[in-house]
Amino acid sequence: MELVTGATGYVGGRLVERLLAEGRAVRAAARDERALAPLPGAETVMVDVVTGRGL
């Protein structure tokens, strides 16, 4: 499984799409749970790597 932090940003979102297209399992992490909705196929988690919340 691949963990992508910042999955709702431009680079992170494109990386999630690419990994899913390659058939990889993806865990998409972002600070805003509402923004994670448009990532079908990925397991989503709410994480703030600055504060450690969700780790």
PDB file of N, CA and C in Angstrom:
ATOM      1  N   MET A   1       0.846  -1.183   0.000  1.00  0.00           N
ATOM      2  CA  MET A   1       0.000   0.000   0.000  1.00  0.00           C
ATOM      3  C   MET A   1       0.884   1.237   0.000  1.00  0.00           C
ATOM      4  N   GLU A   2       0.470   2.207  -0.802  1.00  0.00           N
ATOM      5  CA  GLU A   2       1.193   3.473  -0.913  1.00  0.00           C
ATOM      6  C   GLU A   2       0.442   4.535  -0.109  1.00  0.00           C
ATOM      7  N   LEU A   3       1.158   5.314   0.692  1.00  0.00           N
ATOM      8  CA  LEU A   3       0.572   6.433   1.426  1.00  0.00           C
ATOM      9  C   LEU A   3       0.923   7.718   0.696  1.00  0.00           C
ATOM     10  N   VAL A   4      -0.099   8.495   0.362  1.00  0.00           N
ATOM     11  CA  VAL A   4       0.114   9.785  -0.297  1.00  0.00           C
ATOM     12  C   VAL A   4      -0.399  10.871   0.636  1.00  0.00           C
ATOM     13  N   THR A   5       0.507  11.691   1.169  1.00  0.00           N
ATOM     14  CA  THR A   5       0.088  12.835   1.971  1.00  0.00           C
ATOM     15  C   THR A   5      -0.192  13.998   1.030  1.00  0.00           C
ATOM     16  N   GLY A   6      -1.084  14.873   1.446  1.00  0.00           N
ATOM     17  CA  GLY A   6      -1.453  15.980   0.571  1.00  0.00           C
ATOM     18  C   GLY A   6      -2.233  15.513  -0.639  1.00  0.00           C
ATOM     19  N   ALA A   7      -3.013  14.469  -0.462  1.00  0.00           N
ATOM     20  CA  ALA A   7      -3.704  13.829  -1.584  1.00  0.00           C
ATOM     21  C   ALA A   7      -4.752  14.708  -2.247  1.00  0.00           C
ATOM     22  N   THR A   8      -5.177  15.781  -1.590  1.00  0.00           N
ATOM     23  CA  THR A   8      -6.170  16.664  -2.198  1.00  0.00           C
ATOM     24  C   THR A   8      -5.531  17.833  -2.936  1.00  0.00           C
ATOM     25  N   GLY A   9      -4.218  17.941  -2.873  1.00  0.00           N
ATOM     26  CA  GLY A   9      -3.515  18.982  -3.615  1.00  0.00           C
ATOM     27  C   GLY A   9      -3.278  18.561  -5.058  1.00  0.00           C
ATOM     28  N   TYR A  10      -2.684  19.448  -5.833  1.00  0.00           N
ATOM     29  CA  TYR A  10      -2.481  19.171  -7.255  1.00  0.00           C
ATOM     30  C   TYR A  10      -1.572  17.960  -7.474  1.00  0.00           C
ATOM     31  N   VAL A  11      -0.384  17.989  -6.905  1.00  0.00           N
ATOM     32  CA  VAL A  11       0.572  16.895  -7.124  1.00  0.00           C
ATOM     33  C   VAL A  11       0.084  15.606  -6.468  1.00  0.00           C
ATOM     34  N   GLY A  12      -0.362  15.702  -5.218  1.00  0.00           N
ATOM     35  CA  GLY A  12      -0.838  14.516  -4.520  1.00  0.00           C
ATOM     36  C   GLY A  12      -2.025  13.865  -5.200  1.00  0.00           C
ATOM     37  N   GLY A  13      -2.941  14.683  -5.686  1.00  0.00           N
ATOM     38  CA  GLY A  13      -4.117  14.156  -6.383  1.00  0.00           C
ATOM     39  C   GLY A  13      -3.748  13.427  -7.657  1.00  0.00           C
ATOM     40  N   ARG A  14      -2.808  13.994  -8.406  1.00  0.00           N
ATOM     41  CA  ARG A  14      -2.356  13.344  -9.649  1.00  0.00           C
ATOM     42  C   ARG A  14      -1.609  12.054  -9.333  1.00  0.00           C
ATOM     43  N   LEU A  15      -0.858  12.059  -8.241  1.00  0.00           N
ATOM     44  CA  LEU A  15      -0.128  10.856  -7.847  1.00  0.00           C
ATOM     45  C   LEU A  15      -1.100   9.746  -7.459  1.00  0.00           C
ATOM     46  N   VAL A  16      -2.145  10.088  -6.716  1.00  0.00           N
ATOM     47  CA  VAL A  16      -3.162   9.093  -6.351  1.00  0.00           C
ATOM     48  C   VAL A  16      -3.778   8.495  -7.612  1.00  0.00           C
ATOM     49  N   GLU A  17      -4.160   9.343  -8.557  1.00  0.00           N
ATOM     50  CA  GLU A  17      -4.748   8.857  -9.812  1.00  0.00           C
ATOM     51  C   GLU A  17      -3.802   7.913 -10.536  1.00  0.00           C
ATOM     52  N   ARG A  18      -2.545   8.273 -10.611  1.00  0.00           N
ATOM     53  CA  ARG A  18      -1.547   7.458 -11.323  1.00  0.00           C
ATOM     54  C   ARG A  18      -1.350   6.107 -10.643  1.00  0.00           C
ATOM     55  N   LEU A  19      -1.213   6.118  -9.320  1.00  0.00           N
ATOM     56  CA  LEU A  19      -1.017   4.869  -8.585  1.00  0.00           C
ATOM     57  C   LEU A  19      -2.226   3.947  -8.736  1.00  0.00           C
ATOM     58  N   LEU A  20      -3.432   4.509  -8.652  1.00  0.00           N
ATOM     59  CA  LEU A  20      -4.636   3.700  -8.830  1.00  0.00           C
ATOM     60  C   LEU A  20      -4.704   3.127 -10.238  1.00  0.00           C
ATOM     61  N   ALA A  21      -4.313   3.917 -11.230  1.00  0.00           N
ATOM     62  CA  ALA A  21      -4.315   3.447 -12.621  1.00  0.00           C
ATOM     63  C   ALA A  21      -3.339   2.290 -12.812  1.00  0.00           C
ATOM     64  N   GLU A  22      -2.271   2.276 -12.014  1.00  0.00           N
ATOM     65  CA  GLU A  22      -1.290   1.190 -12.072  1.00  0.00           C
ATOM     66  C   GLU A  22      -1.737  -0.028 -11.271  1.00  0.00           C
ATOM     67  N   GLY A  23      -2.905   0.068 -10.627  1.00  0.00           N
ATOM     68  CA  GLY A  23      -3.437  -1.055  -9.869  1.00  0.00           C
ATOM     69  C   GLY A  23      -2.905  -1.167  -8.456  1.00  0.00           C
ATOM     70  N   ARG A  24      -2.290  -0.119  -7.964  1.00  0.00           N
ATOM     71  CA  ARG A  24      -1.742  -0.148  -6.604  1.00  0.00           C
ATOM     72  C   ARG A  24      -2.803   0.233  -5.580  1.00  0.00           C
ATOM     73  N   ALA A  25      -2.646  -0.286  -4.377  1.00  0.00           N
ATOM     74  CA  ALA A  25      -3.508   0.104  -3.263  1.00  0.00           C
ATOM     75  C   ALA A  25      -2.993   1.437  -2.737  1.00  0.00           C
ATOM     76  N   VAL A  26      -3.911   2.376  -2.502  1.00  0.00           N
ATOM     77  CA  VAL A  26      -3.518   3.725  -2.099  1.00  0.00           C
ATOM     78  C   VAL A  26      -4.266   4.145  -0.844  1.00  0.00           C
ATOM     79  N   ARG A  27      -3.532   4.705   0.099  1.00  0.00           N
ATOM     80  CA  ARG A  27      -4.126   5.368   1.259  1.00  0.00           C
ATOM     81  C   ARG A  27      -3.871   6.857   1.057  1.00  0.00           C
ATOM     82  N   ALA A  28      -4.938   7.612   0.882  1.00  0.00           N
ATOM     83  CA  ALA A  28      -4.844   9.045   0.612  1.00  0.00           C
ATOM     84  C   ALA A  28      -5.068   9.814   1.906  1.00  0.00           C
ATOM     85  N   ALA A  29      -4.090  10.622   2.293  1.00  0.00           N
ATOM     86  CA  ALA A  29      -4.171  11.386   3.530  1.00  0.00           C
ATOM     87  C   ALA A  29      -4.272  12.874   3.226  1.00  0.00           C
ATOM     88  N   ALA A  30      -5.152  13.540   3.975  1.00  0.00           N
ATOM     89  CA  ALA A  30      -5.305  14.987   3.833  1.00  0.00           C
ATOM     90  C   ALA A  30      -5.817  15.555   5.150  1.00  0.00           C
ATOM     91  N   ARG A  31      -5.677  16.859   5.316  1.00  0.00           N
ATOM     92  CA  ARG A  31      -6.147  17.522   6.535  1.00  0.00           C
ATOM     93  C   ARG A  31      -7.651  17.722   6.543  1.00  0.00           C
ATOM     94  N   ASP A  32      -8.267  17.871   5.380  1.00  0.00           N
ATOM     95  CA  ASP A  32      -9.695  18.161   5.281  1.00  0.00           C
ATOM     96  C   ASP A  32     -10.436  16.942   4.743  1.00  0.00           C
ATOM     97  N   GLU A  33     -11.174  16.283   5.618  1.00  0.00           N
ATOM     98  CA  GLU A  33     -11.876  15.055   5.237  1.00  0.00           C
ATOM     99  C   GLU A  33     -12.886  15.292   4.116  1.00  0.00           C
ATOM    100  N   ARG A  34     -13.510  16.457   4.082  1.00  0.00           N
ATOM    101  CA  ARG A  34     -14.500  16.761   3.036  1.00  0.00           C
ATOM    102  C   ARG A  34     -13.860  16.781   1.657  1.00  0.00           C
ATOM    103  N   ALA A  35     -12.604  17.180   1.579  1.00  0.00           N
ATOM    104  CA  ALA A  35     -11.917  17.258   0.289  1.00  0.00           C
ATOM    105  C   ALA A  35     -11.523  15.882  -0.237  1.00  0.00           C
ATOM    106  N   LEU A  36     -11.560  14.867   0.604  1.00  0.00           N
ATOM    107  CA  LEU A  36     -11.150  13.525   0.193  1.00  0.00           C
ATOM    108  C   LEU A  36     -12.216  12.809  -0.631  1.00  0.00           C
ATOM    109  N   ALA A  37     -13.431  13.303  -0.632  1.00  0.00           N
ATOM    110  CA  ALA A  37     -14.531  12.629  -1.319  1.00  0.00           C
ATOM    111  C   ALA A  37     -14.258  12.324  -2.790  1.00  0.00           C
ATOM    112  N   PRO A  38     -13.593  13.204  -3.560  1.00  0.00           N
ATOM    113  CA  PRO A  38     -13.415  12.907  -4.987  1.00  0.00           C
ATOM    114  C   PRO A  38     -12.225  11.995  -5.300  1.00  0.00           C
ATOM    115  N   LEU A  39     -11.902  11.084  -4.396  1.00  0.00           N
ATOM    116  CA  LEU A  39     -10.784  10.165  -4.629  1.00  0.00           C
ATOM    117  C   LEU A  39     -11.282   8.722  -4.620  1.00  0.00           C
ATOM    118  N   PRO A  40     -12.165   8.354  -5.560  1.00  0.00           N
ATOM    119  CA  PRO A  40     -12.710   6.997  -5.575  1.00  0.00           C
ATOM    120  C   PRO A  40     -11.628   5.953  -5.811  1.00  0.00           C
ATOM    121  N   GLY A  41     -11.730   4.868  -5.067  1.00  0.00           N
ATOM    122  CA  GLY A  41     -10.774   3.782  -5.221  1.00  0.00           C
ATOM    123  C   GLY A  41      -9.647   3.817  -4.214  1.00  0.00           C
ATOM    124  N   ALA A  42      -9.489   4.943  -3.531  1.00  0.00           N
ATOM    125  CA  ALA A  42      -8.424   5.066  -2.536  1.00  0.00           C
ATOM    126  C   ALA A  42      -9.024   4.993  -1.136  1.00  0.00           C
ATOM    127  N   GLU A  43      -8.279   4.394  -0.222  1.00  0.00           N
ATOM    128  CA  GLU A  43      -8.667   4.458   1.187  1.00  0.00           C
ATOM    129  C   GLU A  43      -8.301   5.857   1.661  1.00  0.00           C
ATOM    130  N   THR A  44      -9.212   6.534   2.330  1.00  0.00           N
ATOM    131  CA  THR A  44      -8.943   7.910   2.739  1.00  0.00           C
ATOM    132  C   THR A  44      -8.834   8.031   4.251  1.00  0.00           C
ATOM    133  N   VAL A  45      -7.910   8.867   4.695  1.00  0.00           N
ATOM    134  CA  VAL A  45      -7.718   9.126   6.116  1.00  0.00           C
ATOM    135  C   VAL A  45      -7.472  10.614   6.324  1.00  0.00           C
ATOM    136  N   MET A  46      -7.959  11.127   7.450  1.00  0.00           N
ATOM    137  CA  MET A  46      -7.726  12.520   7.793  1.00  0.00           C
ATOM    138  C   MET A  46      -6.494  12.583   8.685  1.00  0.00           C
ATOM    139  N   VAL A  47      -5.473  13.305   8.246  1.00  0.00           N
ATOM    140  CA  VAL A  47      -4.201  13.379   8.962  1.00  0.00           C
ATOM    141  C   VAL A  47      -3.656  14.799   8.881  1.00  0.00           C
ATOM    142  N   ASP A  48      -3.094  15.273   9.984  1.00  0.00           N
ATOM    143  CA  ASP A  48      -2.355  16.535   9.975  1.00  0.00           C
ATOM    144  C   ASP A  48      -0.934  16.200  10.406  1.00  0.00           C
ATOM    145  N   VAL A  49      -0.012  16.173   9.465  1.00  0.00           N
ATOM    146  CA  VAL A  49       1.359  15.762   9.776  1.00  0.00           C
ATOM    147  C   VAL A  49       2.089  16.798  10.619  1.00  0.00           C
ATOM    148  N   VAL A  50       1.596  18.025  10.675  1.00  0.00           N
ATOM    149  CA  VAL A  50       2.231  19.067  11.487  1.00  0.00           C
ATOM    150  C   VAL A  50       1.936  18.847  12.964  1.00  0.00           C
ATOM    151  N   THR A  51       0.666  18.582  13.293  1.00  0.00           N
ATOM    152  CA  THR A  51       0.286  18.394  14.692  1.00  0.00           C
ATOM    153  C   THR A  51       0.348  16.934  15.119  1.00  0.00           C
ATOM    154  N   GLY A  52       0.380  16.033  14.164  1.00  0.00           N
ATOM    155  CA  GLY A  52       0.382  14.608  14.469  1.00  0.00           C
ATOM    156  C   GLY A  52      -1.009  14.019  14.602  1.00  0.00           C
ATOM    157  N   ARG A  53      -2.029  14.845  14.493  1.00  0.00           N
ATOM    158  CA  ARG A  53      -3.411  14.361  14.610  1.00  0.00           C
ATOM    159  C   ARG A  53      -3.711  13.371  13.488  1.00  0.00           C
ATOM    160  N   GLY A  54      -4.186  12.206  13.864  1.00  0.00           N
ATOM    161  CA  GLY A  54      -4.569  11.197  12.883  1.00  0.00           C
ATOM    162  C   GLY A  54      -3.476  10.196  12.555  1.00  0.00           C
ATOM    163  N   LEU A  55      -2.279  10.417  13.093  1.00  0.00           N
ATOM    164  CA  LEU A  55      -1.194   9.462  12.806  1.00  0.00           C
ATOM    165  C   LEU A  55      -1.288   8.250  13.694  1.00  0.00           C
TER     166      LEU A  55
END
